[in-house]
Amino acid sequence: MRWLPALLLVLLFVIPLFIGGLSAVAVATFALDRNWYLGFLSDERLFQMPDAVSSATWHMSLPGLSAFPPAMGRDALRELLPPAYLRDQAGSIIDQVFTYLWGRGPLELSVDLSPLKRSLVGDKAKRFALAMAKDLPVASSSTLPARGTIPASRPKSWTVEETARFIESSLPTVLSGVPDRLALGDTVPLPWRGFSAFGMLVGAAVFMLVFACGAWFGSAFAFSSLPRERLLWLGGSLLAPALCVLSIGVFTAISPAFLSWARIGITATDLGEVGLGPGFIDAVLDAVHLAIGRVATGFLATGGIAAGIGVGLLVWGGVTTSGYGKDEAQKDQPAVG
């Protein structure tokens, strides 16, 4: 009955801990990589202003830009917030989150407004002012706006061109009151000294694998005293969790094949009301495809290496003689003298 405690060790400890530890290693291969997250944001089509945005549908005060009217049209917003700027700021936020998760400092989310302020000069300022003036509603009176401000409506007596010139001349004054950096919420301090969320993930993976290896070797010695049977037991008990992790990688690797069906379904859906054009949809699906590929690689590599070790132990055990027959032959030999 030596196999019973060995089997219990494998079922209760070895397989669950190996699955958990190997999965944690697979997750760490991409979760700890900043470039994996930036892969989601590499396509500027994700940050293009939707076609449905107009002064009639877009009403919000942009953080740090309260001097700008809350209703701005698509063309004005595209000049104010170009895709490249939004992508760079999203990458900066990822860096700030990584700083916190690695325990290098508190979480202080912020965006840099200085590139935006520097860009609104020259021809771009003219385009922005004209685009904004075109979308401003016409005021019921001819009251002129205060100098150095951007009006929320176009005076009744002004043309679009006159309003655009006024907005352009007011931009330097308005932008001087815009901070160079805008904080997004309160600062989140580290929970304790030495905190590292990513370090905890690595530590959990190491702990589970070390504990699993101890139970793994213990089960082999509990199973048999013969080296050949121990090797076969080690190989078989490792192969089971390795194949589980490997199957996750295989399933993840083939899942992008279903994205083509999702693309067809989304294309057939009328998303014009929310302004999601085919370019944005393609960018989202491409980003998902890239991310899934990296996840699949992590699980395939981790599960494949573990499965290779298990198969190697099985082969080693298969070519190893048990020594049982030799021992019996030695016992049957008559004593000399």
Protein backbone atom coordinates (compact mmCIF):
# COMPACT_ATOMS: atom_id res chain seq x y z
CA MET A 1 0.00 0.00 0.00
CA ARG A 2 2.95 2.34 -0.45
CA TRP A 3 1.23 3.81 -3.49
CA LEU A 4 -1.68 5.21 -1.44
CA PRO A 5 0.20 7.95 0.49
CA ALA A 6 2.15 8.73 -2.68
CA LEU A 7 -1.08 9.11 -4.63
CA LEU A 8 -2.57 11.35 -1.93
CA LEU A 9 0.51 13.59 -2.02
CA VAL A 10 0.23 13.91 -5.78
CA LEU A 11 -3.51 14.61 -5.83
CA LEU A 12 -3.59 16.99 -2.87
CA PHE A 13 -0.31 18.85 -3.27
CA VAL A 14 1.83 18.05 -6.30
CA ILE A 15 -0.69 18.58 -9.11
CA PRO A 16 -2.46 21.67 -7.64
CA LEU A 17 0.80 23.35 -6.65
CA PHE A 18 2.50 22.62 -9.94
CA ILE A 19 -0.50 23.95 -11.88
CA GLY A 20 -0.54 27.08 -9.73
CA GLY A 21 3.20 27.61 -9.83
CA LEU A 22 3.59 26.96 -13.55
CA SER A 23 0.60 29.20 -14.30
CA ALA A 24 2.12 31.97 -12.19
CA VAL A 25 5.37 31.64 -14.12
CA ALA A 26 3.47 31.77 -17.41
CA VAL A 27 1.55 34.87 -16.31
CA ALA A 28 4.76 36.54 -15.14
CA THR A 29 6.27 36.21 -18.61
CA PHE A 30 3.84 38.82 -19.94
CA ALA A 31 2.27 40.51 -16.90
CA LEU A 32 5.63 41.87 -15.77
CA ASP A 33 6.50 43.15 -19.24
CA ARG A 34 5.65 46.80 -19.82
CA ASN A 35 5.84 46.31 -23.58
CA TRP A 36 2.97 43.82 -23.43
CA TYR A 37 0.66 46.57 -22.19
CA LEU A 38 2.07 49.09 -24.65
CA GLY A 39 1.20 46.65 -27.40
CA PHE A 40 -2.45 47.44 -26.75
CA LEU A 41 -1.73 51.12 -27.35
CA SER A 42 0.64 51.00 -30.30
CA ASP A 43 -2.09 51.62 -32.89
CA GLU A 44 -3.09 55.29 -33.05
CA ARG A 45 -6.48 54.31 -34.47
CA LEU A 46 -7.50 53.47 -30.90
CA PHE A 47 -7.19 57.14 -29.98
CA GLN A 48 -8.85 58.77 -32.95
CA MET A 49 -11.89 60.85 -32.14
CA PRO A 50 -15.08 58.94 -33.07
CA ASP A 51 -16.96 60.32 -36.05
CA ALA A 52 -20.13 60.69 -33.97
CA VAL A 53 -18.55 63.31 -31.73
CA SER A 54 -20.02 66.75 -32.32
CA SER A 55 -20.83 69.84 -30.32
CA ALA A 56 -24.37 68.51 -30.01
CA THR A 57 -23.33 65.17 -28.49
CA TRP A 58 -20.06 65.94 -26.66
CA HIS A 59 -20.63 67.88 -23.47
CA MET A 60 -17.93 67.54 -20.85
CA SER A 61 -15.28 69.66 -19.18
CA LEU A 62 -11.83 68.33 -19.99
CA PRO A 63 -9.70 67.94 -16.82
CA GLY A 64 -7.29 70.84 -16.50
CA LEU A 65 -8.93 72.61 -19.44
CA SER A 66 -11.94 74.13 -17.76
CA ALA A 67 -11.36 77.38 -19.67
CA PHE A 68 -12.40 75.61 -22.85
CA PRO A 69 -16.12 75.35 -23.59
CA PRO A 70 -17.67 71.98 -22.60
CA ALA A 71 -19.16 71.50 -26.09
CA MET A 72 -16.51 71.02 -28.74
CA GLY A 73 -16.84 69.43 -32.16
CA ARG A 74 -14.85 66.54 -33.57
CA ASP A 75 -12.45 68.66 -35.63
CA ALA A 76 -11.57 70.90 -32.69
CA LEU A 77 -11.02 67.93 -30.41
CA ARG A 78 -8.81 66.26 -33.02
CA GLU A 79 -6.61 69.34 -33.12
CA LEU A 80 -6.56 69.63 -29.33
CA LEU A 81 -6.07 65.93 -28.55
CA PRO A 82 -4.24 64.21 -31.45
CA PRO A 83 -3.93 60.41 -31.30
CA ALA A 84 -0.15 60.48 -30.86
CA TYR A 85 -0.47 62.69 -27.77
CA LEU A 86 -3.15 60.47 -26.21
CA ARG A 87 -1.09 57.35 -26.91
CA ASP A 88 2.01 58.85 -25.29
CA GLN A 89 0.04 59.86 -22.20
CA ALA A 90 -1.48 56.38 -21.93
CA GLY A 91 2.04 54.93 -22.05
CA SER A 92 3.12 57.38 -19.34
CA ILE A 93 0.25 56.23 -17.11
CA ILE A 94 1.35 52.62 -17.60
CA ASP A 95 4.85 53.60 -16.43
CA GLN A 96 3.36 55.25 -13.34
CA VAL A 97 1.32 52.15 -12.53
CA PHE A 98 4.40 49.94 -12.99
CA THR A 99 6.34 52.16 -10.59
CA TYR A 100 3.69 51.51 -7.95
CA LEU A 101 3.29 47.78 -8.61
CA TRP A 102 7.03 47.24 -8.36
CA GLY A 103 7.02 49.12 -5.05
CA ARG A 104 9.32 51.90 -6.28
CA GLY A 105 7.03 54.72 -5.22
CA PRO A 106 3.43 55.78 -4.51
CA LEU A 107 0.78 55.76 -7.22
CA GLU A 108 0.62 59.29 -8.61
CA LEU A 109 -1.35 59.20 -11.84
CA SER A 110 -0.93 62.32 -13.94
CA VAL A 111 -0.81 63.50 -17.53
CA ASP A 112 1.59 65.96 -19.08
CA LEU A 113 -0.24 68.94 -20.58
CA SER A 114 2.86 70.83 -21.64
CA PRO A 115 3.04 69.17 -25.13
CA LEU A 116 -0.58 70.16 -25.66
CA LYS A 117 0.14 73.76 -24.67
CA ARG A 118 3.21 73.98 -26.90
CA SER A 119 1.37 72.55 -29.89
CA LEU A 120 -1.39 75.17 -30.03
CA VAL A 121 0.63 77.77 -31.93
CA GLY A 122 0.94 78.86 -35.53
CA ASP A 123 -1.11 77.02 -38.12
CA LYS A 124 -2.40 74.47 -35.63
CA ALA A 125 -3.79 77.26 -33.45
CA LYS A 126 -5.55 78.70 -36.51
CA ARG A 127 -7.06 75.33 -37.41
CA PHE A 128 -8.17 74.72 -33.84
CA ALA A 129 -9.74 78.17 -33.50
CA LEU A 130 -11.57 77.86 -36.82
CA ALA A 131 -12.84 74.37 -36.01
CA MET A 132 -14.08 75.51 -32.63
CA ALA A 133 -15.73 78.63 -34.02
CA LYS A 134 -17.66 76.56 -36.57
CA ASP A 135 -19.19 74.41 -33.84
CA LEU A 136 -20.07 77.16 -31.39
CA PRO A 137 -23.79 77.83 -31.09
CA VAL A 138 -24.97 81.32 -32.03
CA ALA A 139 -25.78 83.48 -29.01
CA SER A 140 -29.15 85.20 -28.76
CA SER A 141 -27.45 88.55 -28.11
CA SER A 142 -24.51 90.49 -29.50
CA THR A 143 -22.71 90.73 -26.16
CA LEU A 144 -18.98 90.40 -26.76
CA PRO A 145 -16.94 87.89 -24.73
CA ALA A 146 -14.24 89.04 -22.33
CA ARG A 147 -10.74 89.30 -23.74
CA GLY A 148 -8.44 86.38 -23.00
CA THR A 149 -11.32 83.89 -22.82
CA ILE A 150 -12.80 81.35 -25.16
CA PRO A 151 -16.50 82.01 -25.64
CA ALA A 152 -19.04 79.25 -25.12
CA SER A 153 -21.15 80.70 -27.96
CA ARG A 154 -20.61 82.90 -30.98
CA PRO A 155 -21.91 86.47 -30.63
CA LYS A 156 -24.82 87.14 -32.91
CA SER A 157 -23.02 89.95 -34.71
CA TRP A 158 -19.82 87.97 -35.37
CA THR A 159 -19.00 85.73 -38.30
CA VAL A 160 -17.24 82.40 -37.90
CA GLU A 161 -13.96 83.93 -39.09
CA GLU A 162 -14.19 86.79 -36.58
CA THR A 163 -14.88 84.34 -33.78
CA ALA A 164 -11.94 82.17 -34.88
CA ARG A 165 -9.58 85.16 -34.81
CA PHE A 166 -10.80 86.07 -31.32
CA ILE A 167 -10.26 82.50 -30.08
CA GLU A 168 -6.78 82.39 -31.61
CA SER A 169 -5.80 85.65 -29.96
CA SER A 170 -7.11 84.39 -26.60
CA LEU A 171 -5.24 81.08 -26.69
CA PRO A 172 -1.94 82.35 -25.16
CA THR A 173 -3.81 83.84 -22.19
CA VAL A 174 -5.99 80.77 -21.74
CA LEU A 175 -3.08 78.33 -22.01
CA SER A 176 -1.00 80.30 -19.51
CA GLY A 177 -3.55 79.30 -16.88
CA VAL A 178 -3.36 75.62 -17.77
CA PRO A 179 -0.99 73.61 -15.51
CA ASP A 180 1.90 71.76 -17.10
CA ARG A 181 0.89 68.57 -15.33
CA LEU A 182 -2.54 67.40 -14.26
CA ALA A 183 -3.01 64.95 -11.39
CA LEU A 184 -5.62 62.26 -11.96
CA GLY A 185 -6.95 61.65 -8.49
CA ASP A 186 -5.27 61.45 -5.11
CA THR A 187 -1.88 59.93 -4.40
CA VAL A 188 -2.04 56.29 -3.27
CA PRO A 189 0.85 55.47 -0.90
CA LEU A 190 2.51 52.08 -0.72
CA PRO A 191 0.60 49.82 1.73
CA TRP A 192 3.78 49.00 3.61
CA ARG A 193 7.50 49.42 3.27
CA GLY A 194 8.91 46.93 0.81
CA PHE A 195 5.54 46.39 -0.88
CA SER A 196 5.74 45.05 -4.43
CA ALA A 197 2.72 43.51 -6.13
CA PHE A 198 4.86 42.07 -8.90
CA GLY A 199 7.36 40.82 -6.32
CA MET A 200 4.51 39.04 -4.55
CA LEU A 201 3.57 37.35 -7.83
CA VAL A 202 7.14 36.14 -8.34
CA GLY A 203 7.39 35.07 -4.71
CA ALA A 204 4.12 33.13 -4.91
CA ALA A 205 5.34 31.31 -8.02
CA VAL A 206 8.65 30.40 -6.35
CA PHE A 207 6.92 29.30 -3.13
CA MET A 208 4.44 27.04 -4.93
CA LEU A 209 7.10 25.49 -7.13
CA VAL A 210 9.46 24.82 -4.20
CA PHE A 211 6.67 23.31 -2.12
CA ALA A 212 5.46 21.30 -5.13
CA CYS A 213 8.97 19.94 -5.77
CA GLY A 214 9.27 18.86 -2.14
CA ALA A 215 5.94 17.02 -2.25
CA TRP A 216 6.85 15.65 -5.69
CA PHE A 217 10.10 14.06 -4.56
CA GLY A 218 8.49 12.94 -1.31
CA SER A 219 5.75 11.11 -3.19
CA ALA A 220 8.32 9.32 -5.34
CA PHE A 221 10.21 8.04 -2.30
CA ALA A 222 6.95 7.06 -0.67
CA PHE A 223 5.88 5.18 -3.79
CA SER A 224 8.88 2.90 -4.21
CA SER A 225 12.43 2.21 -3.15
CA LEU A 226 13.51 1.30 -6.69
CA PRO A 227 15.12 4.07 -8.79
CA ARG A 228 13.32 2.99 -11.96
CA GLU A 229 9.86 3.18 -10.38
CA ARG A 230 10.69 6.49 -8.73
CA LEU A 231 11.70 7.98 -12.09
CA LEU A 232 8.52 6.73 -13.74
CA TRP A 233 6.44 8.11 -10.88
CA LEU A 234 8.19 11.50 -11.04
CA GLY A 235 7.68 11.70 -14.80
CA GLY A 236 4.01 10.75 -14.71
CA SER A 237 3.11 13.00 -11.77
CA LEU A 238 4.82 15.99 -13.43
CA LEU A 239 3.35 15.31 -16.85
CA ALA A 240 -0.24 15.66 -15.62
CA PRO A 241 -0.01 19.31 -14.39
CA ALA A 242 2.33 20.20 -17.27
CA LEU A 243 -0.28 19.05 -19.80
CA CYS A 244 -2.94 21.12 -18.01
CA VAL A 245 -0.84 24.28 -18.36
CA LEU A 246 0.10 23.34 -21.91
CA SER A 247 -3.58 22.88 -22.82
CA ILE A 248 -4.28 26.45 -21.66
CA GLY A 249 -1.60 27.64 -24.05
CA VAL A 250 -2.98 25.56 -26.92
CA PHE A 251 -6.52 26.83 -26.36
CA THR A 252 -5.27 30.42 -26.14
CA ALA A 253 -3.18 29.98 -29.29
CA ILE A 254 -6.16 28.84 -31.37
CA SER A 255 -8.58 31.39 -29.92
CA PRO A 256 -7.53 34.18 -32.36
CA ALA A 257 -9.17 32.10 -35.08
CA PHE A 258 -12.48 33.12 -33.57
CA LEU A 259 -11.60 36.81 -33.88
CA SER A 260 -12.39 36.67 -37.58
CA TRP A 261 -15.94 35.67 -36.71
CA ALA A 262 -16.09 38.48 -34.17
CA ARG A 263 -14.86 40.90 -36.81
CA ILE A 264 -17.63 39.79 -39.18
CA GLY A 265 -20.26 40.11 -36.46
CA ILE A 266 -19.12 43.56 -35.39
CA THR A 267 -18.92 44.73 -38.99
CA ALA A 268 -22.49 43.59 -39.57
CA THR A 269 -23.65 45.59 -36.55
CA ASP A 270 -24.58 49.21 -37.09
CA LEU A 271 -22.27 51.13 -34.77
CA GLY A 272 -22.66 54.43 -36.53
CA GLU A 273 -24.60 55.90 -33.64
CA VAL A 274 -21.61 55.59 -31.33
CA GLY A 275 -19.11 56.53 -34.01
CA LEU A 276 -17.05 53.36 -33.95
CA GLY A 277 -15.69 53.11 -37.45
CA PRO A 278 -14.05 50.05 -39.03
CA GLY A 279 -10.59 51.45 -38.32
CA PHE A 280 -11.21 51.54 -34.57
CA ILE A 281 -12.73 48.05 -34.57
CA ASP A 282 -9.79 46.65 -36.54
CA ALA A 283 -7.36 48.31 -34.12
CA VAL A 284 -9.11 46.77 -31.09
CA LEU A 285 -9.17 43.30 -32.63
CA ASP A 286 -5.53 43.59 -33.70
CA ALA A 287 -4.55 44.59 -30.16
CA VAL A 288 -6.48 41.64 -28.72
CA HIS A 289 -4.83 39.31 -31.23
CA LEU A 290 -1.37 40.57 -30.23
CA ALA A 291 -2.11 40.20 -26.53
CA ILE A 292 -3.54 36.70 -26.88
CA GLY A 293 -0.49 35.61 -28.84
CA ARG A 294 1.81 36.71 -26.03
CA VAL A 295 -0.34 34.94 -23.41
CA ALA A 296 -0.34 31.75 -25.47
CA THR A 297 3.44 31.89 -25.81
CA GLY A 298 3.88 32.14 -22.05
CA PHE A 299 1.69 29.13 -21.27
CA LEU A 300 3.01 27.07 -24.19
CA ALA A 301 6.62 27.66 -23.21
CA THR A 302 6.08 26.99 -19.50
CA GLY A 303 3.87 23.95 -20.02
CA GLY A 304 6.09 22.64 -22.82
CA ILE A 305 9.26 22.81 -20.73
CA ALA A 306 7.59 21.07 -17.79
CA ALA A 307 6.07 18.42 -20.08
CA GLY A 308 9.49 17.87 -21.67
CA ILE A 309 11.02 17.26 -18.25
CA GLY A 310 8.22 14.82 -17.42
CA VAL A 311 8.69 12.90 -20.66
CA GLY A 312 12.44 12.86 -20.09
CA LEU A 313 11.95 11.31 -16.65
CA LEU A 314 9.62 8.69 -18.12
CA VAL A 315 12.17 7.78 -20.80
CA TRP A 316 14.95 7.70 -18.22
CA GLY A 317 12.88 5.43 -16.03
CA GLY A 318 12.02 3.25 -18.99
CA VAL A 319 15.64 2.57 -19.89
CA THR A 320 16.76 2.11 -16.29
CA THR A 321 16.90 -1.44 -14.94
CA SER A 322 15.18 -1.97 -11.63
CA GLY A 323 17.93 -4.21 -10.26
CA TYR A 324 15.28 -6.49 -8.80
CA GLY A 325 16.28 -9.54 -10.86
CA LYS A 326 19.94 -9.07 -10.03
CA ASP A 327 19.22 -8.96 -6.31
CA GLU A 328 17.17 -12.16 -6.50
CA ALA A 329 19.92 -13.92 -8.45
CA GLN A 330 22.46 -12.99 -5.83
CA LYS A 331 20.20 -14.41 -3.12
CA ASP A 332 19.84 -17.75 -4.99
CA GLN A 333 23.60 -18.29 -5.32
CA PRO A 334 24.91 -20.92 -2.83
CA ALA A 335 27.23 -19.69 -0.17
CA VAL A 336 30.91 -20.50 -0.77
CA GLY A 337 32.69 -22.66 1.82
